[in-house]
Amino acid sequence: MENNVYGKGNICEMELSLPGPKIFATSKETTFEAAAKETISDLEKQLKKRKAKFTTH
């Protein structure tokens, strides 16, 4: 939680360790739940992109 008077003070950071480069996402929202949802959504996009990259080889 960040001390921010402008509203978006809840930060969620997640890092996944997989073969290859690590996958990392972060988001800052008004509630922790919204920040976690946004971060998970970003991780899903990165995982789908990586999966598509590996299936073409």
N, C-alpha and C. Protein backbone atom coordinates (compact mmCIF):
# COMPACT_ATOMS: atom_id res chain seq x y z
N MET A 1 0.85 -1.17 0.00
CA MET A 1 0.00 0.00 0.00
C MET A 1 0.89 1.23 0.00
N GLU A 2 0.58 2.14 -0.86
CA GLU A 2 1.35 3.37 -1.02
C GLU A 2 0.58 4.52 -0.37
N ASN A 3 1.26 5.41 0.27
CA ASN A 3 0.64 6.57 0.87
C ASN A 3 0.43 7.61 -0.23
N ASN A 4 -0.76 7.59 -0.83
CA ASN A 4 -1.06 8.46 -1.96
C ASN A 4 -2.40 9.13 -1.72
N VAL A 5 -2.44 10.43 -1.77
CA VAL A 5 -3.69 11.15 -1.51
C VAL A 5 -4.58 11.22 -2.75
N TYR A 6 -4.11 10.79 -3.91
CA TYR A 6 -4.87 10.90 -5.14
C TYR A 6 -5.71 9.67 -5.46
N GLY A 7 -5.74 8.66 -4.60
CA GLY A 7 -6.64 7.54 -4.79
C GLY A 7 -5.98 6.21 -5.09
N LYS A 8 -5.27 6.10 -6.19
CA LYS A 8 -4.70 4.82 -6.59
C LYS A 8 -3.45 4.52 -5.78
N GLY A 9 -3.64 3.94 -4.60
CA GLY A 9 -2.51 3.70 -3.72
C GLY A 9 -2.28 2.24 -3.41
N ASN A 10 -3.10 1.34 -3.94
CA ASN A 10 -2.92 -0.08 -3.68
C ASN A 10 -2.16 -0.72 -4.84
N ILE A 11 -0.99 -1.26 -4.53
CA ILE A 11 -0.10 -1.81 -5.55
C ILE A 11 -0.05 -3.32 -5.42
N CYS A 12 -0.11 -4.00 -6.56
CA CYS A 12 0.02 -5.46 -6.59
C CYS A 12 1.11 -5.80 -7.59
N GLU A 13 2.12 -6.55 -7.13
CA GLU A 13 3.21 -6.99 -7.99
C GLU A 13 3.30 -8.51 -7.91
N MET A 14 3.42 -9.15 -9.08
CA MET A 14 3.55 -10.60 -9.13
C MET A 14 4.65 -10.97 -10.11
N GLU A 15 5.38 -12.02 -9.77
CA GLU A 15 6.48 -12.50 -10.60
C GLU A 15 6.37 -14.02 -10.70
N LEU A 16 6.45 -14.54 -11.91
CA LEU A 16 6.41 -15.98 -12.14
C LEU A 16 7.78 -16.44 -12.62
N SER A 17 8.28 -17.50 -12.01
CA SER A 17 9.55 -18.08 -12.43
C SER A 17 9.26 -19.30 -13.30
N LEU A 18 9.61 -19.20 -14.55
CA LEU A 18 9.40 -20.26 -15.52
C LEU A 18 10.70 -20.48 -16.27
N PRO A 19 10.79 -21.56 -17.04
CA PRO A 19 11.96 -21.68 -17.92
C PRO A 19 12.01 -20.48 -18.87
N GLY A 20 13.17 -19.91 -18.98
CA GLY A 20 13.30 -18.70 -19.80
C GLY A 20 13.22 -17.47 -18.91
N PRO A 21 12.94 -16.33 -19.49
CA PRO A 21 12.87 -15.10 -18.70
C PRO A 21 11.69 -15.13 -17.73
N LYS A 22 11.85 -14.46 -16.60
CA LYS A 22 10.77 -14.37 -15.63
C LYS A 22 9.65 -13.50 -16.18
N ILE A 23 8.44 -13.78 -15.75
CA ILE A 23 7.28 -12.98 -16.13
C ILE A 23 6.91 -12.13 -14.93
N PHE A 24 6.78 -10.83 -15.13
CA PHE A 24 6.51 -9.90 -14.06
C PHE A 24 5.41 -8.94 -14.48
N ALA A 25 4.50 -8.66 -13.55
CA ALA A 25 3.44 -7.68 -13.80
C ALA A 25 3.17 -6.91 -12.51
N THR A 26 2.77 -5.68 -12.68
CA THR A 26 2.42 -4.83 -11.55
C THR A 26 1.28 -3.92 -11.95
N SER A 27 0.48 -3.53 -10.98
CA SER A 27 -0.59 -2.57 -11.24
C SER A 27 -0.89 -1.78 -9.98
N LYS A 28 -1.44 -0.62 -10.16
CA LYS A 28 -1.78 0.28 -9.07
C LYS A 28 -3.23 0.70 -9.27
N GLU A 29 -4.09 0.37 -8.33
CA GLU A 29 -5.52 0.67 -8.44
C GLU A 29 -6.04 1.25 -7.12
N THR A 30 -7.33 1.57 -7.11
CA THR A 30 -7.94 2.16 -5.91
C THR A 30 -8.17 1.12 -4.82
N THR A 31 -8.41 -0.15 -5.20
CA THR A 31 -8.57 -1.22 -4.22
C THR A 31 -7.57 -2.33 -4.51
N PHE A 32 -7.21 -3.08 -3.48
CA PHE A 32 -6.25 -4.16 -3.67
C PHE A 32 -6.83 -5.24 -4.59
N GLU A 33 -8.13 -5.51 -4.46
CA GLU A 33 -8.77 -6.53 -5.29
C GLU A 33 -8.69 -6.16 -6.77
N ALA A 34 -8.93 -4.90 -7.09
CA ALA A 34 -8.85 -4.45 -8.48
C ALA A 34 -7.41 -4.53 -8.99
N ALA A 35 -6.46 -4.20 -8.14
CA ALA A 35 -5.06 -4.27 -8.52
C ALA A 35 -4.65 -5.71 -8.78
N ALA A 36 -5.09 -6.64 -7.93
CA ALA A 36 -4.77 -8.06 -8.13
C ALA A 36 -5.40 -8.58 -9.42
N LYS A 37 -6.63 -8.20 -9.69
CA LYS A 37 -7.33 -8.63 -10.91
C LYS A 37 -6.60 -8.13 -12.15
N GLU A 38 -6.19 -6.89 -12.14
CA GLU A 38 -5.47 -6.31 -13.27
C GLU A 38 -4.12 -6.98 -13.48
N THR A 39 -3.42 -7.25 -12.38
CA THR A 39 -2.12 -7.89 -12.46
C THR A 39 -2.25 -9.31 -13.01
N ILE A 40 -3.23 -10.05 -12.55
CA ILE A 40 -3.46 -11.41 -13.05
C ILE A 40 -3.80 -11.39 -14.53
N SER A 41 -4.60 -10.42 -14.94
CA SER A 41 -4.95 -10.27 -16.36
C SER A 41 -3.70 -10.02 -17.20
N ASP A 42 -2.81 -9.18 -16.71
CA ASP A 42 -1.57 -8.90 -17.43
C ASP A 42 -0.69 -10.15 -17.52
N LEU A 43 -0.62 -10.92 -16.43
CA LEU A 43 0.16 -12.17 -16.44
C LEU A 43 -0.42 -13.17 -17.44
N GLU A 44 -1.75 -13.27 -17.50
CA GLU A 44 -2.39 -14.19 -18.45
C GLU A 44 -2.04 -13.81 -19.89
N LYS A 45 -2.03 -12.52 -20.19
CA LYS A 45 -1.67 -12.07 -21.54
C LYS A 45 -0.23 -12.46 -21.87
N GLN A 46 0.67 -12.28 -20.92
CA GLN A 46 2.07 -12.62 -21.15
C GLN A 46 2.25 -14.13 -21.32
N LEU A 47 1.52 -14.92 -20.53
CA LEU A 47 1.62 -16.38 -20.64
C LEU A 47 1.08 -16.87 -21.98
N LYS A 48 -0.03 -16.29 -22.44
CA LYS A 48 -0.58 -16.67 -23.75
C LYS A 48 0.40 -16.33 -24.86
N LYS A 49 1.05 -15.18 -24.75
CA LYS A 49 2.03 -14.77 -25.76
C LYS A 49 3.22 -15.73 -25.77
N ARG A 50 3.69 -16.12 -24.58
CA ARG A 50 4.82 -17.05 -24.50
C ARG A 50 4.42 -18.43 -25.02
N LYS A 51 3.21 -18.88 -24.71
CA LYS A 51 2.74 -20.17 -25.17
C LYS A 51 2.67 -20.20 -26.71
N ALA A 52 2.17 -19.12 -27.30
CA ALA A 52 2.09 -19.04 -28.75
C ALA A 52 3.48 -19.07 -29.37
N LYS A 53 4.43 -18.46 -28.71
CA LYS A 53 5.81 -18.43 -29.20
C LYS A 53 6.42 -19.83 -29.20
N PHE A 54 6.16 -20.61 -28.14
CA PHE A 54 6.72 -21.95 -28.03
C PHE A 54 6.01 -22.96 -28.93
N THR A 55 4.73 -22.78 -29.20
CA THR A 55 4.02 -23.75 -30.05
C THR A 55 4.36 -23.60 -31.52
N THR A 56 4.89 -22.46 -31.93
CA THR A 56 5.26 -22.27 -33.34
C THR A 56 6.61 -22.89 -33.66
N HIS A 57 7.39 -23.23 -32.66
CA HIS A 57 8.74 -23.81 -32.90
C HIS A 57 8.68 -25.29 -32.99
